[in-house]
Amino acid sequence: MLIQGTDRVVGSRPIRQNMKDILQLLEEPSTTVAVAGATDNPSKYGSVIYRDLKLKGFTVYPVNPNRATVDGDPSFKGLEDIPEPPTIVNIVVPPEVTSQILQHCLDLGLTNIWLQPGAESPAVMAFLQKNDFNYLANACIMVASRLKV
């Protein structure tokens, strides 16, 4: 089941936040994506997702503290090292690491989060909701993204 968090509740009343739908952000030409967990290991989704988005024409930043490069591109040790704040942070790591990345996103003011299947947990979902992130979970960005023209 696709889970999107752009609403919050004040008292008992749901409030629609003034954030763009994550799927709509993929349609904007200026959208950039940081892939946290990008790798060169072809059997890992961090590799497949990074290459897929890159081939579709997105500006994609690989983030992996253990890699100097991904697919021949410089890899960034952390989100703060990327030359511009990414529009979307796509997270493709285990939930324990996801929690650390989300805290870092919160500290940096990066609120558009895409959780790949397997990156979420009850604690991760609670953190996203508690901190008013604009997020999408349980959906693959490769399926939702289109070629950029």
N, C-alpha and C. Protein backbone atom coordinates (compact mmCIF):
# COMPACT_ATOMS: atom_id res chain seq x y z
N MET A 1 0.83 -1.18 0.00
CA MET A 1 0.00 0.00 0.00
C MET A 1 0.88 1.24 0.00
N LEU A 2 0.60 2.15 -0.92
CA LEU A 2 1.30 3.42 -1.03
C LEU A 2 0.92 4.30 0.15
N ILE A 3 1.91 4.90 0.77
CA ILE A 3 1.65 5.79 1.90
C ILE A 3 2.27 7.14 1.58
N GLN A 4 1.47 8.17 1.63
CA GLN A 4 1.98 9.51 1.40
C GLN A 4 1.62 10.38 2.57
N GLY A 5 2.59 11.12 3.07
CA GLY A 5 2.34 11.96 4.23
C GLY A 5 2.46 13.41 3.89
N THR A 6 1.37 14.05 3.63
CA THR A 6 1.38 15.49 3.44
C THR A 6 0.33 16.15 4.31
N ASP A 7 -0.42 15.34 5.02
CA ASP A 7 -1.45 15.87 5.90
C ASP A 7 -1.02 15.72 7.35
N ARG A 8 -1.55 16.54 8.19
CA ARG A 8 -1.33 16.38 9.62
C ARG A 8 -2.64 16.68 10.32
N VAL A 9 -2.73 16.32 11.56
CA VAL A 9 -3.96 16.51 12.32
C VAL A 9 -3.70 17.52 13.44
N VAL A 10 -4.56 18.52 13.52
CA VAL A 10 -4.51 19.48 14.61
C VAL A 10 -5.81 19.29 15.38
N GLY A 11 -5.69 18.86 16.65
CA GLY A 11 -6.88 18.48 17.40
C GLY A 11 -7.45 17.23 16.75
N SER A 12 -8.64 17.32 16.23
CA SER A 12 -9.22 16.18 15.52
C SER A 12 -9.43 16.52 14.05
N ARG A 13 -8.92 17.66 13.62
CA ARG A 13 -9.15 18.13 12.25
C ARG A 13 -7.93 17.91 11.36
N PRO A 14 -8.08 17.18 10.23
CA PRO A 14 -6.95 17.03 9.32
C PRO A 14 -6.65 18.34 8.60
N ILE A 15 -5.39 18.67 8.48
CA ILE A 15 -4.95 19.89 7.82
C ILE A 15 -4.08 19.50 6.63
N ARG A 16 -4.40 20.02 5.45
CA ARG A 16 -3.58 19.77 4.26
C ARG A 16 -2.42 20.73 4.31
N GLN A 17 -1.22 20.19 4.31
CA GLN A 17 -0.05 21.04 4.38
C GLN A 17 0.22 21.66 3.01
N ASN A 18 0.96 22.74 3.01
CA ASN A 18 1.26 23.45 1.79
C ASN A 18 2.52 22.89 1.14
N MET A 19 2.51 21.60 0.84
CA MET A 19 3.65 20.95 0.22
C MET A 19 3.22 20.31 -1.08
N LYS A 20 4.14 20.25 -2.03
CA LYS A 20 3.82 19.62 -3.30
C LYS A 20 3.86 18.11 -3.15
N ASP A 21 2.97 17.47 -3.86
CA ASP A 21 2.94 16.03 -3.93
C ASP A 21 4.28 15.53 -4.48
N ILE A 22 4.83 14.51 -3.86
CA ILE A 22 6.13 13.97 -4.28
C ILE A 22 6.08 13.55 -5.75
N LEU A 23 5.00 12.91 -6.16
CA LEU A 23 4.89 12.48 -7.57
C LEU A 23 4.90 13.67 -8.51
N GLN A 24 4.28 14.78 -8.11
CA GLN A 24 4.29 15.99 -8.93
C GLN A 24 5.70 16.56 -9.04
N LEU A 25 6.49 16.43 -7.99
CA LEU A 25 7.86 16.93 -8.03
C LEU A 25 8.67 16.22 -9.11
N LEU A 26 8.37 14.95 -9.36
CA LEU A 26 9.09 14.22 -10.40
C LEU A 26 8.83 14.77 -11.79
N GLU A 27 7.74 15.50 -11.95
CA GLU A 27 7.38 16.07 -13.25
C GLU A 27 8.08 17.41 -13.51
N GLU A 28 8.64 18.02 -12.49
CA GLU A 28 9.27 19.32 -12.65
C GLU A 28 10.69 19.18 -13.20
N PRO A 29 11.02 19.95 -14.24
CA PRO A 29 12.34 19.83 -14.86
C PRO A 29 13.51 20.11 -13.92
N SER A 30 13.30 20.94 -12.92
CA SER A 30 14.40 21.31 -12.02
C SER A 30 14.61 20.33 -10.86
N THR A 31 13.79 19.29 -10.77
CA THR A 31 13.88 18.36 -9.65
C THR A 31 15.21 17.61 -9.66
N THR A 32 15.84 17.59 -8.49
CA THR A 32 17.07 16.83 -8.30
C THR A 32 16.80 15.77 -7.24
N VAL A 33 17.51 14.64 -7.34
CA VAL A 33 17.28 13.53 -6.42
C VAL A 33 18.61 13.08 -5.83
N ALA A 34 18.67 13.02 -4.51
CA ALA A 34 19.80 12.40 -3.82
C ALA A 34 19.41 10.96 -3.53
N VAL A 35 20.24 10.02 -3.93
CA VAL A 35 19.98 8.61 -3.66
C VAL A 35 20.88 8.18 -2.51
N ALA A 36 20.30 8.11 -1.32
CA ALA A 36 21.05 7.68 -0.14
C ALA A 36 21.10 6.16 -0.14
N GLY A 37 22.31 5.65 -0.32
CA GLY A 37 22.50 4.21 -0.44
C GLY A 37 22.90 3.82 -1.85
N ALA A 38 23.23 4.80 -2.69
CA ALA A 38 23.68 4.51 -4.05
C ALA A 38 24.97 3.68 -3.98
N THR A 39 25.11 2.75 -4.91
CA THR A 39 26.27 1.86 -4.92
C THR A 39 26.55 1.37 -6.33
N ASP A 40 27.70 0.77 -6.52
CA ASP A 40 28.04 0.16 -7.81
C ASP A 40 27.69 -1.32 -7.85
N ASN A 41 27.24 -1.89 -6.74
CA ASN A 41 26.90 -3.31 -6.70
C ASN A 41 25.61 -3.52 -7.52
N PRO A 42 25.71 -4.17 -8.70
CA PRO A 42 24.55 -4.29 -9.58
C PRO A 42 23.40 -5.12 -9.00
N SER A 43 23.64 -5.86 -7.93
CA SER A 43 22.56 -6.66 -7.34
C SER A 43 21.80 -5.88 -6.26
N LYS A 44 22.19 -4.65 -6.02
CA LYS A 44 21.52 -3.83 -5.00
C LYS A 44 20.67 -2.74 -5.66
N TYR A 45 19.54 -2.47 -5.02
CA TYR A 45 18.64 -1.46 -5.57
C TYR A 45 19.26 -0.06 -5.60
N GLY A 46 20.19 0.21 -4.71
CA GLY A 46 20.87 1.50 -4.72
C GLY A 46 21.61 1.75 -6.02
N SER A 47 22.06 0.69 -6.66
CA SER A 47 22.72 0.78 -7.96
C SER A 47 21.69 0.93 -9.08
N VAL A 48 20.69 0.08 -9.05
CA VAL A 48 19.67 0.06 -10.10
C VAL A 48 18.91 1.39 -10.14
N ILE A 49 18.51 1.89 -8.99
CA ILE A 49 17.75 3.14 -8.91
C ILE A 49 18.59 4.32 -9.39
N TYR A 50 19.84 4.40 -8.94
CA TYR A 50 20.71 5.51 -9.33
C TYR A 50 20.85 5.55 -10.85
N ARG A 51 21.16 4.42 -11.45
CA ARG A 51 21.36 4.37 -12.90
C ARG A 51 20.06 4.65 -13.67
N ASP A 52 18.95 4.13 -13.16
CA ASP A 52 17.66 4.34 -13.82
C ASP A 52 17.31 5.83 -13.86
N LEU A 53 17.42 6.52 -12.74
CA LEU A 53 17.09 7.95 -12.69
C LEU A 53 18.04 8.75 -13.57
N LYS A 54 19.29 8.39 -13.56
CA LYS A 54 20.29 9.06 -14.38
C LYS A 54 19.97 8.88 -15.88
N LEU A 55 19.64 7.67 -16.27
CA LEU A 55 19.29 7.40 -17.68
C LEU A 55 18.02 8.13 -18.10
N LYS A 56 17.13 8.39 -17.16
CA LYS A 56 15.89 9.11 -17.46
C LYS A 56 16.10 10.62 -17.53
N GLY A 57 17.31 11.08 -17.24
CA GLY A 57 17.62 12.50 -17.39
C GLY A 57 17.53 13.33 -16.12
N PHE A 58 17.32 12.69 -14.99
CA PHE A 58 17.29 13.44 -13.73
C PHE A 58 18.70 13.82 -13.30
N THR A 59 18.83 14.94 -12.61
CA THR A 59 20.07 15.27 -11.93
C THR A 59 20.04 14.46 -10.64
N VAL A 60 20.98 13.51 -10.53
CA VAL A 60 20.97 12.57 -9.41
C VAL A 60 22.31 12.65 -8.68
N TYR A 61 22.24 12.68 -7.37
CA TYR A 61 23.44 12.72 -6.54
C TYR A 61 23.55 11.42 -5.74
N PRO A 62 24.62 10.65 -5.96
CA PRO A 62 24.80 9.44 -5.14
C PRO A 62 25.35 9.81 -3.77
N VAL A 63 24.73 9.27 -2.73
CA VAL A 63 25.19 9.52 -1.36
C VAL A 63 25.52 8.18 -0.72
N ASN A 64 26.79 8.02 -0.39
CA ASN A 64 27.26 6.79 0.26
C ASN A 64 28.61 7.09 0.89
N PRO A 65 28.69 7.07 2.22
CA PRO A 65 29.95 7.42 2.89
C PRO A 65 31.07 6.41 2.63
N ASN A 66 30.73 5.27 2.06
CA ASN A 66 31.74 4.22 1.82
C ASN A 66 32.20 4.14 0.38
N ARG A 67 31.79 5.07 -0.47
CA ARG A 67 32.15 5.02 -1.89
C ARG A 67 32.69 6.36 -2.34
N ALA A 68 33.74 6.33 -3.16
CA ALA A 68 34.28 7.55 -3.76
C ALA A 68 33.51 7.89 -5.03
N THR A 69 33.04 6.86 -5.74
CA THR A 69 32.28 7.06 -6.97
C THR A 69 31.14 6.05 -7.06
N VAL A 70 30.15 6.39 -7.86
CA VAL A 70 29.05 5.47 -8.21
C VAL A 70 28.80 5.67 -9.70
N ASP A 71 28.87 4.61 -10.45
CA ASP A 71 28.67 4.66 -11.90
C ASP A 71 29.59 5.70 -12.55
N GLY A 72 30.80 5.84 -12.01
CA GLY A 72 31.77 6.78 -12.55
C GLY A 72 31.56 8.22 -12.09
N ASP A 73 30.54 8.49 -11.32
CA ASP A 73 30.26 9.83 -10.82
C ASP A 73 30.77 9.97 -9.39
N PRO A 74 31.22 11.17 -9.01
CA PRO A 74 31.64 11.37 -7.63
C PRO A 74 30.49 11.08 -6.67
N SER A 75 30.79 10.35 -5.60
CA SER A 75 29.79 10.06 -4.58
C SER A 75 30.01 11.01 -3.41
N PHE A 76 28.93 11.37 -2.76
CA PHE A 76 28.99 12.30 -1.64
C PHE A 76 28.90 11.53 -0.33
N LYS A 77 29.72 11.92 0.62
CA LYS A 77 29.75 11.24 1.93
C LYS A 77 28.45 11.46 2.70
N GLY A 78 27.88 12.65 2.55
CA GLY A 78 26.65 12.98 3.26
C GLY A 78 25.83 13.98 2.46
N LEU A 79 24.59 14.15 2.87
CA LEU A 79 23.69 15.07 2.16
C LEU A 79 24.20 16.50 2.18
N GLU A 80 24.91 16.87 3.23
CA GLU A 80 25.43 18.24 3.34
C GLU A 80 26.54 18.52 2.34
N ASP A 81 27.12 17.48 1.73
CA ASP A 81 28.22 17.64 0.77
C ASP A 81 27.74 17.87 -0.66
N ILE A 82 26.46 17.66 -0.93
CA ILE A 82 25.91 17.85 -2.27
C ILE A 82 25.94 19.34 -2.59
N PRO A 83 26.29 19.71 -3.85
CA PRO A 83 26.43 21.13 -4.18
C PRO A 83 25.15 21.95 -4.09
N GLU A 84 23.98 21.33 -4.12
CA GLU A 84 22.72 22.04 -3.97
C GLU A 84 21.78 21.16 -3.16
N PRO A 85 20.89 21.74 -2.39
CA PRO A 85 19.94 20.90 -1.65
C PRO A 85 19.07 20.12 -2.65
N PRO A 86 19.00 18.80 -2.52
CA PRO A 86 18.18 18.04 -3.46
C PRO A 86 16.70 18.28 -3.23
N THR A 87 15.94 18.18 -4.31
CA THR A 87 14.49 18.34 -4.21
C THR A 87 13.90 17.17 -3.43
N ILE A 88 14.38 15.96 -3.74
CA ILE A 88 13.89 14.73 -3.11
C ILE A 88 15.09 13.93 -2.60
N VAL A 89 14.97 13.40 -1.40
CA VAL A 89 15.95 12.44 -0.89
C VAL A 89 15.30 11.07 -1.01
N ASN A 90 15.87 10.24 -1.88
CA ASN A 90 15.39 8.88 -2.07
C ASN A 90 16.25 7.97 -1.20
N ILE A 91 15.60 7.24 -0.30
CA ILE A 91 16.34 6.43 0.67
C ILE A 91 16.18 4.96 0.34
N VAL A 92 17.33 4.29 0.14
CA VAL A 92 17.34 2.88 -0.22
C VAL A 92 18.37 2.14 0.63
N VAL A 93 18.11 2.16 1.93
CA VAL A 93 18.97 1.51 2.92
C VAL A 93 18.07 0.83 3.95
N PRO A 94 18.64 -0.03 4.81
CA PRO A 94 17.82 -0.66 5.86
C PRO A 94 17.25 0.38 6.83
N PRO A 95 16.15 0.04 7.50
CA PRO A 95 15.48 0.99 8.40
C PRO A 95 16.38 1.60 9.48
N GLU A 96 17.34 0.84 9.99
CA GLU A 96 18.21 1.40 11.04
C GLU A 96 19.01 2.57 10.50
N VAL A 97 19.46 2.45 9.25
CA VAL A 97 20.22 3.53 8.62
C VAL A 97 19.27 4.64 8.18
N THR A 98 18.07 4.26 7.74
CA THR A 98 17.06 5.25 7.35
C THR A 98 16.82 6.24 8.48
N SER A 99 16.71 5.75 9.70
CA SER A 99 16.46 6.63 10.86
C SER A 99 17.55 7.67 11.00
N GLN A 100 18.80 7.27 10.81
CA GLN A 100 19.92 8.22 10.90
C GLN A 100 19.85 9.25 9.78
N ILE A 101 19.54 8.79 8.57
CA ILE A 101 19.45 9.70 7.42
C ILE A 101 18.31 10.69 7.62
N LEU A 102 17.17 10.22 8.14
CA LEU A 102 16.05 11.12 8.37
C LEU A 102 16.37 12.19 9.39
N GLN A 103 17.11 11.84 10.44
CA GLN A 103 17.51 12.85 11.41
C GLN A 103 18.41 13.89 10.74
N HIS A 104 19.29 13.42 9.88
CA HIS A 104 20.17 14.32 9.14
C HIS A 104 19.34 15.22 8.21
N CYS A 105 18.34 14.65 7.52
CA CYS A 105 17.45 15.44 6.66
C CYS A 105 16.75 16.53 7.47
N LEU A 106 16.27 16.15 8.64
CA LEU A 106 15.58 17.11 9.51
C LEU A 106 16.53 18.25 9.87
N ASP A 107 17.75 17.91 10.25
CA ASP A 107 18.74 18.93 10.61
C ASP A 107 19.05 19.88 9.45
N LEU A 108 19.01 19.34 8.21
CA LEU A 108 19.34 20.13 7.02
C LEU A 108 18.12 20.80 6.39
N GLY A 109 16.93 20.52 6.91
CA GLY A 109 15.72 21.10 6.34
C GLY A 109 15.27 20.45 5.05
N LEU A 110 15.69 19.21 4.81
CA LEU A 110 15.28 18.47 3.61
C LEU A 110 14.04 17.66 3.97
N THR A 111 12.89 18.05 3.43
CA THR A 111 11.64 17.46 3.90
C THR A 111 10.94 16.57 2.88
N ASN A 112 11.38 16.55 1.63
CA ASN A 112 10.76 15.70 0.61
C ASN A 112 11.50 14.37 0.58
N ILE A 113 10.86 13.35 1.10
CA ILE A 113 11.50 12.05 1.30
C ILE A 113 10.76 10.96 0.52
N TRP A 114 11.51 10.14 -0.18
CA TRP A 114 10.95 8.98 -0.86
C TRP A 114 11.60 7.75 -0.24
N LEU A 115 10.81 6.93 0.44
CA LEU A 115 11.32 5.71 1.05
C LEU A 115 11.07 4.54 0.11
N GLN A 116 12.14 3.92 -0.34
CA GLN A 116 12.01 2.72 -1.15
C GLN A 116 11.47 1.58 -0.28
N PRO A 117 10.73 0.64 -0.86
CA PRO A 117 10.26 -0.50 -0.07
C PRO A 117 11.44 -1.17 0.64
N GLY A 118 11.26 -1.44 1.91
CA GLY A 118 12.31 -2.05 2.73
C GLY A 118 13.08 -1.05 3.57
N ALA A 119 12.94 0.25 3.27
CA ALA A 119 13.64 1.27 4.04
C ALA A 119 12.81 1.74 5.23
N GLU A 120 11.55 1.32 5.27
CA GLU A 120 10.65 1.80 6.33
C GLU A 120 10.52 0.79 7.46
N SER A 121 10.05 1.31 8.56
CA SER A 121 9.74 0.51 9.75
C SER A 121 8.71 1.32 10.52
N PRO A 122 8.05 0.74 11.51
CA PRO A 122 7.11 1.55 12.31
C PRO A 122 7.78 2.79 12.93
N ALA A 123 9.00 2.63 13.41
CA ALA A 123 9.70 3.77 14.01
C ALA A 123 10.01 4.85 12.96
N VAL A 124 10.42 4.43 11.78
CA VAL A 124 10.70 5.38 10.69
C VAL A 124 9.44 6.14 10.33
N MET A 125 8.33 5.43 10.17
CA MET A 125 7.07 6.06 9.79
C MET A 125 6.61 7.05 10.87
N ALA A 126 6.77 6.68 12.12
CA ALA A 126 6.40 7.57 13.22
C ALA A 126 7.25 8.84 13.21
N PHE A 127 8.55 8.69 12.93
CA PHE A 127 9.45 9.84 12.87
C PHE A 127 9.04 10.79 11.75
N LEU A 128 8.72 10.23 10.58
CA LEU A 128 8.29 11.05 9.44
C LEU A 128 7.04 11.86 9.79
N GLN A 129 6.08 11.19 10.41
CA GLN A 129 4.81 11.85 10.76
C GLN A 129 4.99 12.88 11.87
N LYS A 130 5.77 12.53 12.87
CA LYS A 130 5.99 13.43 14.00
C LYS A 130 6.67 14.72 13.57
N ASN A 131 7.54 14.63 12.56
CA ASN A 131 8.34 15.78 12.15
C ASN A 131 7.84 16.44 10.86
N ASP A 132 6.61 16.13 10.48
CA ASP A 132 5.95 16.80 9.35
C ASP A 132 6.72 16.71 8.03
N PHE A 133 7.34 15.59 7.76
CA PHE A 133 7.99 15.39 6.46
C PHE A 133 6.93 15.24 5.38
N ASN A 134 7.26 15.64 4.18
CA ASN A 134 6.47 15.37 2.98
C ASN A 134 7.08 14.10 2.42
N TYR A 135 6.38 12.99 2.48
CA TYR A 135 7.03 11.72 2.14
C TYR A 135 6.14 10.79 1.33
N LEU A 136 6.81 9.83 0.70
CA LEU A 136 6.15 8.76 -0.02
C LEU A 136 6.86 7.48 0.37
N ALA A 137 6.08 6.45 0.72
CA ALA A 137 6.67 5.17 1.13
C ALA A 137 5.93 4.04 0.44
N ASN A 138 6.60 2.89 0.40
CA ASN A 138 6.02 1.68 -0.20
C ASN A 138 5.75 1.82 -1.68
N ALA A 139 6.58 2.57 -2.38
CA ALA A 139 6.49 2.72 -3.83
C ALA A 139 7.90 2.88 -4.37
N CYS A 140 8.15 2.35 -5.55
CA CYS A 140 9.49 2.46 -6.14
C CYS A 140 9.56 3.66 -7.07
N ILE A 141 10.56 4.48 -6.88
CA ILE A 141 10.73 5.69 -7.69
C ILE A 141 10.97 5.35 -9.16
N MET A 142 11.51 4.15 -9.44
CA MET A 142 11.74 3.77 -10.85
C MET A 142 10.42 3.60 -11.58
N VAL A 143 9.41 3.12 -10.91
CA VAL A 143 8.09 2.91 -11.53
C VAL A 143 7.40 4.25 -11.73
N ALA A 144 7.53 5.15 -10.79
CA ALA A 144 6.81 6.42 -10.83
C ALA A 144 7.47 7.47 -11.73
N SER A 145 8.79 7.36 -11.94
CA SER A 145 9.49 8.39 -12.72
C SER A 145 9.37 8.09 -14.21
N ARG A 146 9.46 9.17 -14.99
CA ARG A 146 9.40 9.06 -16.44
C ARG A 146 10.65 9.68 -17.05
N LEU A 147 10.86 9.41 -18.32
CA LEU A 147 11.97 10.04 -19.03
C LEU A 147 11.79 11.55 -19.02
N LYS A 148 12.86 12.27 -18.80
CA LYS A 148 12.82 13.72 -18.86
C LYS A 148 13.16 14.13 -20.29
N VAL A 149 12.42 15.07 -20.79
CA VAL A 149 12.67 15.51 -22.17
C VAL A 149 13.17 16.92 -22.20
